[in-house]
Amino acid sequence: MDINNIKKEYSNGEVTIVWQSGLCQHAANCVKNNPAVFKPKDKPWIHPEASTTAAIIDAVKTCPSGALTFYLNEK
């Protein structure tokens, strides 16, 4: 595993957030747009259960680097 390019997934059951550390530019748009979910001082730092799916998607879409993406889970 390349510690400089870690890929992790976090899900609330409806949406899965995918984070790729190697792409992150630390612009903090995710934190600014949804601080309930994105808490950089926590481990793990993403808490998808703390927000609605729509709010998560909106925040992820603000990521300028593409380090955060999402996919909707099948029911």
N, C-alpha and C. Protein backbone atom coordinates (compact mmCIF):
# COMPACT_ATOMS: atom_id res chain seq x y z
N MET A 1 0.84 -1.18 0.00
CA MET A 1 0.00 0.00 0.00
C MET A 1 0.88 1.24 0.00
N ASP A 2 0.54 2.19 -0.86
CA ASP A 2 1.24 3.46 -0.93
C ASP A 2 0.63 4.41 0.10
N ILE A 3 1.37 4.73 1.16
CA ILE A 3 0.82 5.56 2.22
C ILE A 3 0.55 6.99 1.77
N ASN A 4 1.10 7.38 0.63
CA ASN A 4 0.84 8.71 0.09
C ASN A 4 -0.37 8.76 -0.82
N ASN A 5 -0.98 7.61 -1.07
CA ASN A 5 -2.17 7.56 -1.91
C ASN A 5 -3.13 6.51 -1.38
N ILE A 6 -3.74 6.82 -0.27
CA ILE A 6 -4.69 5.92 0.38
C ILE A 6 -6.08 6.19 -0.17
N LYS A 7 -6.84 5.14 -0.43
CA LYS A 7 -8.22 5.28 -0.89
C LYS A 7 -9.12 4.64 0.17
N LYS A 8 -10.08 5.43 0.67
CA LYS A 8 -11.00 4.93 1.69
C LYS A 8 -12.42 5.26 1.29
N GLU A 9 -13.36 4.42 1.74
CA GLU A 9 -14.77 4.64 1.47
C GLU A 9 -15.54 4.71 2.77
N TYR A 10 -16.52 5.62 2.80
CA TYR A 10 -17.37 5.83 3.98
C TYR A 10 -18.81 5.91 3.50
N SER A 11 -19.72 5.18 4.15
CA SER A 11 -21.09 5.11 3.68
C SER A 11 -22.10 5.39 4.78
N ASN A 12 -23.21 6.00 4.40
CA ASN A 12 -24.34 6.15 5.31
C ASN A 12 -25.47 5.19 4.94
N GLY A 13 -25.20 4.29 4.01
CA GLY A 13 -26.19 3.33 3.55
C GLY A 13 -26.82 3.74 2.23
N GLU A 14 -26.94 5.03 1.98
CA GLU A 14 -27.51 5.54 0.74
C GLU A 14 -26.44 6.00 -0.24
N VAL A 15 -25.40 6.64 0.30
CA VAL A 15 -24.32 7.16 -0.53
C VAL A 15 -22.99 6.74 0.09
N THR A 16 -22.03 6.48 -0.77
CA THR A 16 -20.68 6.16 -0.31
C THR A 16 -19.74 7.25 -0.79
N ILE A 17 -19.00 7.80 0.17
CA ILE A 17 -17.99 8.83 -0.12
C ILE A 17 -16.67 8.11 -0.33
N VAL A 18 -15.99 8.44 -1.41
CA VAL A 18 -14.68 7.87 -1.71
C VAL A 18 -13.65 8.99 -1.58
N TRP A 19 -12.63 8.75 -0.75
CA TRP A 19 -11.56 9.74 -0.54
C TRP A 19 -10.24 9.14 -0.98
N GLN A 20 -9.50 9.88 -1.81
CA GLN A 20 -8.18 9.47 -2.27
C GLN A 20 -7.17 10.50 -1.77
N SER A 21 -6.38 10.10 -0.81
CA SER A 21 -5.47 11.04 -0.15
C SER A 21 -4.45 11.67 -1.10
N GLY A 22 -4.01 10.94 -2.08
CA GLY A 22 -2.99 11.44 -2.99
C GLY A 22 -3.46 12.57 -3.89
N LEU A 23 -4.77 12.74 -4.02
CA LEU A 23 -5.32 13.80 -4.85
C LEU A 23 -5.69 15.04 -4.05
N CYS A 24 -5.79 14.91 -2.74
CA CYS A 24 -6.30 15.98 -1.89
C CYS A 24 -5.37 17.19 -1.90
N GLN A 25 -5.97 18.36 -2.17
CA GLN A 25 -5.23 19.63 -2.16
C GLN A 25 -5.48 20.41 -0.87
N HIS A 26 -6.25 19.86 0.03
CA HIS A 26 -6.55 20.47 1.34
C HIS A 26 -7.19 21.85 1.20
N ALA A 27 -8.06 22.00 0.22
CA ALA A 27 -8.79 23.26 0.04
C ALA A 27 -9.84 23.45 1.13
N ALA A 28 -10.25 22.36 1.76
CA ALA A 28 -11.22 22.36 2.86
C ALA A 28 -12.62 22.75 2.44
N ASN A 29 -12.93 22.68 1.15
CA ASN A 29 -14.30 22.96 0.72
C ASN A 29 -15.29 22.00 1.36
N CYS A 30 -14.90 20.77 1.52
CA CYS A 30 -15.78 19.78 2.15
C CYS A 30 -16.11 20.17 3.58
N VAL A 31 -15.10 20.59 4.33
CA VAL A 31 -15.27 21.00 5.72
C VAL A 31 -16.15 22.24 5.81
N LYS A 32 -15.90 23.20 4.93
CA LYS A 32 -16.68 24.44 4.94
C LYS A 32 -18.14 24.20 4.57
N ASN A 33 -18.39 23.26 3.66
CA ASN A 33 -19.74 23.01 3.18
C ASN A 33 -20.53 22.00 3.99
N ASN A 34 -19.85 21.14 4.75
CA ASN A 34 -20.56 20.17 5.59
C ASN A 34 -19.68 19.76 6.77
N PRO A 35 -19.52 20.66 7.75
CA PRO A 35 -18.64 20.37 8.89
C PRO A 35 -19.14 19.26 9.79
N ALA A 36 -20.41 18.88 9.68
CA ALA A 36 -20.92 17.76 10.47
C ALA A 36 -20.35 16.44 9.98
N VAL A 37 -20.06 16.36 8.70
CA VAL A 37 -19.55 15.13 8.09
C VAL A 37 -18.03 15.12 8.02
N PHE A 38 -17.45 16.23 7.60
CA PHE A 38 -16.01 16.29 7.34
C PHE A 38 -15.31 16.98 8.51
N LYS A 39 -14.66 16.18 9.34
CA LYS A 39 -14.00 16.66 10.55
C LYS A 39 -12.54 16.22 10.53
N PRO A 40 -11.66 17.07 9.97
CA PRO A 40 -10.27 16.65 9.75
C PRO A 40 -9.49 16.31 11.01
N LYS A 41 -9.93 16.72 12.17
CA LYS A 41 -9.21 16.39 13.41
C LYS A 41 -9.63 15.04 13.98
N ASP A 42 -10.71 14.45 13.47
CA ASP A 42 -11.19 13.15 13.94
C ASP A 42 -10.54 12.02 13.17
N LYS A 43 -10.56 10.84 13.73
CA LYS A 43 -10.16 9.61 13.04
C LYS A 43 -11.24 8.57 13.29
N PRO A 44 -11.94 8.10 12.29
CA PRO A 44 -11.89 8.56 10.91
C PRO A 44 -12.44 9.99 10.80
N TRP A 45 -12.05 10.67 9.75
CA TRP A 45 -12.40 12.09 9.64
C TRP A 45 -13.69 12.34 8.88
N ILE A 46 -14.26 11.30 8.28
CA ILE A 46 -15.51 11.44 7.53
C ILE A 46 -16.61 10.68 8.27
N HIS A 47 -17.72 11.39 8.56
CA HIS A 47 -18.85 10.83 9.31
C HIS A 47 -20.13 10.96 8.48
N PRO A 48 -20.35 10.07 7.52
CA PRO A 48 -21.50 10.22 6.62
C PRO A 48 -22.85 10.06 7.31
N GLU A 49 -22.88 9.46 8.47
CA GLU A 49 -24.14 9.28 9.19
C GLU A 49 -24.64 10.59 9.80
N ALA A 50 -23.82 11.63 9.77
CA ALA A 50 -24.14 12.89 10.44
C ALA A 50 -24.87 13.90 9.55
N SER A 51 -25.28 13.48 8.35
CA SER A 51 -25.91 14.43 7.43
C SER A 51 -26.81 13.69 6.46
N THR A 52 -27.55 14.46 5.70
CA THR A 52 -28.39 13.86 4.68
C THR A 52 -27.55 13.52 3.44
N THR A 53 -28.05 12.60 2.68
CA THR A 53 -27.37 12.22 1.44
C THR A 53 -27.23 13.41 0.50
N ALA A 54 -28.27 14.20 0.37
CA ALA A 54 -28.23 15.36 -0.53
C ALA A 54 -27.16 16.36 -0.10
N ALA A 55 -27.05 16.62 1.19
CA ALA A 55 -26.04 17.56 1.69
C ALA A 55 -24.63 17.01 1.50
N ILE A 56 -24.46 15.71 1.65
CA ILE A 56 -23.16 15.08 1.41
C ILE A 56 -22.76 15.24 -0.06
N ILE A 57 -23.67 14.94 -0.96
CA ILE A 57 -23.40 15.05 -2.39
C ILE A 57 -23.02 16.48 -2.75
N ASP A 58 -23.78 17.44 -2.23
CA ASP A 58 -23.48 18.85 -2.51
C ASP A 58 -22.08 19.22 -2.05
N ALA A 59 -21.68 18.78 -0.87
CA ALA A 59 -20.35 19.09 -0.34
C ALA A 59 -19.25 18.42 -1.15
N VAL A 60 -19.45 17.16 -1.50
CA VAL A 60 -18.44 16.42 -2.26
C VAL A 60 -18.23 17.07 -3.64
N LYS A 61 -19.29 17.57 -4.23
CA LYS A 61 -19.19 18.20 -5.54
C LYS A 61 -18.35 19.48 -5.52
N THR A 62 -18.10 20.04 -4.34
CA THR A 62 -17.28 21.25 -4.25
C THR A 62 -15.79 20.95 -4.19
N CYS A 63 -15.41 19.70 -4.14
CA CYS A 63 -14.00 19.33 -4.05
C CYS A 63 -13.28 19.68 -5.36
N PRO A 64 -12.32 20.62 -5.32
CA PRO A 64 -11.67 21.05 -6.55
C PRO A 64 -10.68 20.05 -7.13
N SER A 65 -10.18 19.13 -6.32
CA SER A 65 -9.13 18.22 -6.77
C SER A 65 -9.64 16.87 -7.25
N GLY A 66 -10.87 16.55 -6.92
CA GLY A 66 -11.39 15.22 -7.25
C GLY A 66 -10.98 14.16 -6.24
N ALA A 67 -10.41 14.59 -5.10
CA ALA A 67 -10.03 13.65 -4.06
C ALA A 67 -11.26 13.02 -3.42
N LEU A 68 -12.36 13.76 -3.41
CA LEU A 68 -13.62 13.24 -2.90
C LEU A 68 -14.56 13.00 -4.07
N THR A 69 -15.10 11.80 -4.13
CA THR A 69 -16.14 11.45 -5.09
C THR A 69 -17.20 10.68 -4.32
N PHE A 70 -18.27 10.30 -4.99
CA PHE A 70 -19.31 9.55 -4.32
C PHE A 70 -19.99 8.63 -5.33
N TYR A 71 -20.67 7.64 -4.79
CA TYR A 71 -21.59 6.85 -5.61
C TYR A 71 -22.78 6.49 -4.75
N LEU A 72 -23.94 6.37 -5.41
CA LEU A 72 -25.15 6.00 -4.71
C LEU A 72 -25.19 4.49 -4.58
N ASN A 73 -25.57 4.02 -3.43
CA ASN A 73 -25.63 2.59 -3.16
C ASN A 73 -26.92 2.02 -3.73
N GLU A 74 -26.84 0.82 -4.24
CA GLU A 74 -28.02 0.14 -4.75
C GLU A 74 -28.87 -0.34 -3.60
N LYS A 75 -30.17 -0.31 -3.81
CA LYS A 75 -31.09 -0.77 -2.75
C LYS A 75 -31.55 -2.16 -3.01
